[in-house]
Amino acid sequence: MVAQKDRNPIGSAWNSLIAAGKEASLLTIAARLEEDNGWRKWTGNTRLIMSVEKGDLNGKLNVTMFDRLACSCEPSDAAAVTEQYKGWREQ
């Protein structure tokens, strides 16, 4: 999860993923969560930033960007990842 005030959300997301190393899940979703008095609200407003999916055994990572403000790119449709994220949130 990336802090709402973070000016470099991509860097924060990558740092978290790198810190997890081999323990990182097959699919990682970076998201900005709504904050209230310093608390990140898991069930509040969420803005998806990117997803990182482990590819083949060669360590390839498939990165998909969803937030136009976080990259100089045309963001991908986040519909499928949004459903996955909602499923995790409801657990």
C-alpha atoms as a PDB file:
ATOM      1  CA  MET A   1       0.000   0.000   0.000  1.00  0.00           C
ATOM      2  CA  VAL A   2       1.282   3.418  -0.921  1.00  0.00           C
ATOM      3  CA  ALA A   3       0.706   6.400   1.342  1.00  0.00           C
ATOM      4  CA  GLN A   4      -1.660   8.954  -0.172  1.00  0.00           C
ATOM      5  CA  LYS A   5       0.842  11.779   0.391  1.00  0.00           C
ATOM      6  CA  ASP A   6       3.728   9.864  -1.218  1.00  0.00           C
ATOM      7  CA  ARG A   7       5.150  11.876  -4.110  1.00  0.00           C
ATOM      8  CA  ASN A   8       6.777   8.841  -5.701  1.00  0.00           C
ATOM      9  CA  PRO A   9       4.205   6.032  -5.555  1.00  0.00           C
ATOM     10  CA  ILE A  10       6.011   3.880  -8.114  1.00  0.00           C
ATOM     11  CA  GLY A  11       9.247   4.015  -6.112  1.00  0.00           C
ATOM     12  CA  SER A  12       7.426   3.069  -2.911  1.00  0.00           C
ATOM     13  CA  ALA A  13       5.677   0.175  -4.615  1.00  0.00           C
ATOM     14  CA  TRP A  14       8.942  -1.124  -6.119  1.00  0.00           C
ATOM     15  CA  ASN A  15      10.749  -0.813  -2.784  1.00  0.00           C
ATOM     16  CA  SER A  16       8.067  -2.915  -1.087  1.00  0.00           C
ATOM     17  CA  LEU A  17       8.210  -5.534  -3.825  1.00  0.00           C
ATOM     18  CA  ILE A  18      12.012  -5.710  -3.725  1.00  0.00           C
ATOM     19  CA  ALA A  19      11.968  -5.986   0.069  1.00  0.00           C
ATOM     20  CA  ALA A  20       9.663  -9.022  -0.217  1.00  0.00           C
ATOM     21  CA  GLY A  21      12.132 -10.692  -2.597  1.00  0.00           C
ATOM     22  CA  LYS A  22      11.328 -14.326  -3.367  1.00  0.00           C
ATOM     23  CA  GLU A  23       8.500 -14.186  -0.811  1.00  0.00           C
ATOM     24  CA  ALA A  24       6.522 -11.744  -2.986  1.00  0.00           C
ATOM     25  CA  SER A  25       3.211 -13.130  -4.199  1.00  0.00           C
ATOM     26  CA  LEU A  26       2.594 -14.093  -7.821  1.00  0.00           C
ATOM     27  CA  LEU A  27       0.441 -10.979  -8.233  1.00  0.00           C
ATOM     28  CA  THR A  28       1.164  -7.721  -6.443  1.00  0.00           C
ATOM     29  CA  ILE A  29      -1.168  -4.741  -6.729  1.00  0.00           C
ATOM     30  CA  ALA A  30       0.078  -1.293  -5.722  1.00  0.00           C
ATOM     31  CA  ALA A  31      -2.703   1.010  -4.578  1.00  0.00           C
ATOM     32  CA  ARG A  32      -3.177   4.322  -2.821  1.00  0.00           C
ATOM     33  CA  LEU A  33      -5.602   4.011   0.062  1.00  0.00           C
ATOM     34  CA  GLU A  34      -7.747   6.755   1.502  1.00  0.00           C
ATOM     35  CA  GLU A  35      -6.283   8.051   4.764  1.00  0.00           C
ATOM     36  CA  ASP A  36      -8.024   9.340   7.872  1.00  0.00           C
ATOM     37  CA  ASN A  37      -6.055  10.773  10.808  1.00  0.00           C
ATOM     38  CA  GLY A  38      -2.934   8.885   9.759  1.00  0.00           C
ATOM     39  CA  TRP A  39      -4.739   5.559   9.256  1.00  0.00           C
ATOM     40  CA  ARG A  40      -4.965   3.905   5.852  1.00  0.00           C
ATOM     41  CA  LYS A  41      -8.532   2.791   5.204  1.00  0.00           C
ATOM     42  CA  TRP A  42      -8.494  -0.653   3.604  1.00  0.00           C
ATOM     43  CA  THR A  43     -12.190  -0.296   2.730  1.00  0.00           C
ATOM     44  CA  GLY A  44     -12.072   3.404   1.776  1.00  0.00           C
ATOM     45  CA  ASN A  45     -11.488   4.995  -1.611  1.00  0.00           C
ATOM     46  CA  THR A  46      -8.678   3.260  -3.455  1.00  0.00           C
ATOM     47  CA  ARG A  47      -6.693   4.290  -6.524  1.00  0.00           C
ATOM     48  CA  LEU A  48      -4.883   1.432  -8.243  1.00  0.00           C
ATOM     49  CA  ILE A  49      -1.398   2.379  -9.417  1.00  0.00           C
ATOM     50  CA  MET A  50       0.052  -0.764 -10.975  1.00  0.00           C
ATOM     51  CA  SER A  51       0.178  -4.535 -10.847  1.00  0.00           C
ATOM     52  CA  VAL A  52       3.255  -6.714 -11.001  1.00  0.00           C
ATOM     53  CA  GLU A  53       2.859 -10.346 -11.967  1.00  0.00           C
ATOM     54  CA  LYS A  54       5.634 -12.911 -11.808  1.00  0.00           C
ATOM     55  CA  GLY A  55       6.175 -14.409 -15.215  1.00  0.00           C
ATOM     56  CA  ASP A  56       8.248 -17.423 -16.141  1.00  0.00           C
ATOM     57  CA  LEU A  57      10.969 -19.116 -14.101  1.00  0.00           C
ATOM     58  CA  ASN A  58      13.575 -16.661 -15.415  1.00  0.00           C
ATOM     59  CA  GLY A  59      12.377 -14.039 -12.949  1.00  0.00           C
ATOM     60  CA  LYS A  60      10.509 -12.015 -15.544  1.00  0.00           C
ATOM     61  CA  LEU A  61       8.014  -9.512 -14.125  1.00  0.00           C
ATOM     62  CA  ASN A  62       4.988  -8.300 -16.072  1.00  0.00           C
ATOM     63  CA  VAL A  63       4.179  -4.735 -15.031  1.00  0.00           C
ATOM     64  CA  THR A  64       0.859  -3.085 -15.883  1.00  0.00           C
ATOM     65  CA  MET A  65       0.254   0.590 -15.126  1.00  0.00           C
ATOM     66  CA  PHE A  66      -3.216   1.891 -14.192  1.00  0.00           C
ATOM     67  CA  ASP A  67      -2.632   5.468 -13.061  1.00  0.00           C
ATOM     68  CA  ARG A  68      -1.939   8.181 -15.627  1.00  0.00           C
ATOM     69  CA  LEU A  69      -0.527  10.431 -12.871  1.00  0.00           C
ATOM     70  CA  ALA A  70       2.058   7.825 -11.862  1.00  0.00           C
ATOM     71  CA  CYS A  71       3.606   7.225 -15.274  1.00  0.00           C
ATOM     72  CA  SER A  72       4.210   8.822 -18.640  1.00  0.00           C
ATOM     73  CA  CYS A  73       2.076   6.263 -20.405  1.00  0.00           C
ATOM     74  CA  GLU A  74      -1.394   5.346 -21.542  1.00  0.00           C
ATOM     75  CA  PRO A  75      -2.715   3.365 -18.564  1.00  0.00           C
ATOM     76  CA  SER A  76      -4.280  -0.057 -18.991  1.00  0.00           C
ATOM     77  CA  ASP A  77      -7.852  -0.945 -18.127  1.00  0.00           C
ATOM     78  CA  ALA A  78      -7.948  -1.872 -14.437  1.00  0.00           C
ATOM     79  CA  ALA A  79     -11.295  -3.713 -14.472  1.00  0.00           C
ATOM     80  CA  ALA A  80      -9.929  -7.247 -13.938  1.00  0.00           C
ATOM     81  CA  VAL A  81      -7.434  -6.185 -11.275  1.00  0.00           C
ATOM     82  CA  THR A  82     -10.112  -4.105  -9.551  1.00  0.00           C
ATOM     83  CA  GLU A  83     -12.221  -7.244  -9.127  1.00  0.00           C
ATOM     84  CA  GLN A  84      -9.201  -9.157  -7.766  1.00  0.00           C
ATOM     85  CA  TYR A  85      -8.465  -6.324  -5.331  1.00  0.00           C
ATOM     86  CA  LYS A  86     -12.102  -6.227  -4.167  1.00  0.00           C
ATOM     87  CA  GLY A  87     -11.930  -9.975  -3.519  1.00  0.00           C
ATOM     88  CA  TRP A  88      -8.849  -9.541  -1.325  1.00  0.00           C
ATOM     89  CA  ARG A  89     -10.419  -6.587   0.479  1.00  0.00           C
ATOM     90  CA  GLU A  90     -13.512  -8.594   1.384  1.00  0.00           C
ATOM     91  CA  GLN A  91     -11.549 -11.416   3.001  1.00  0.00           C
END
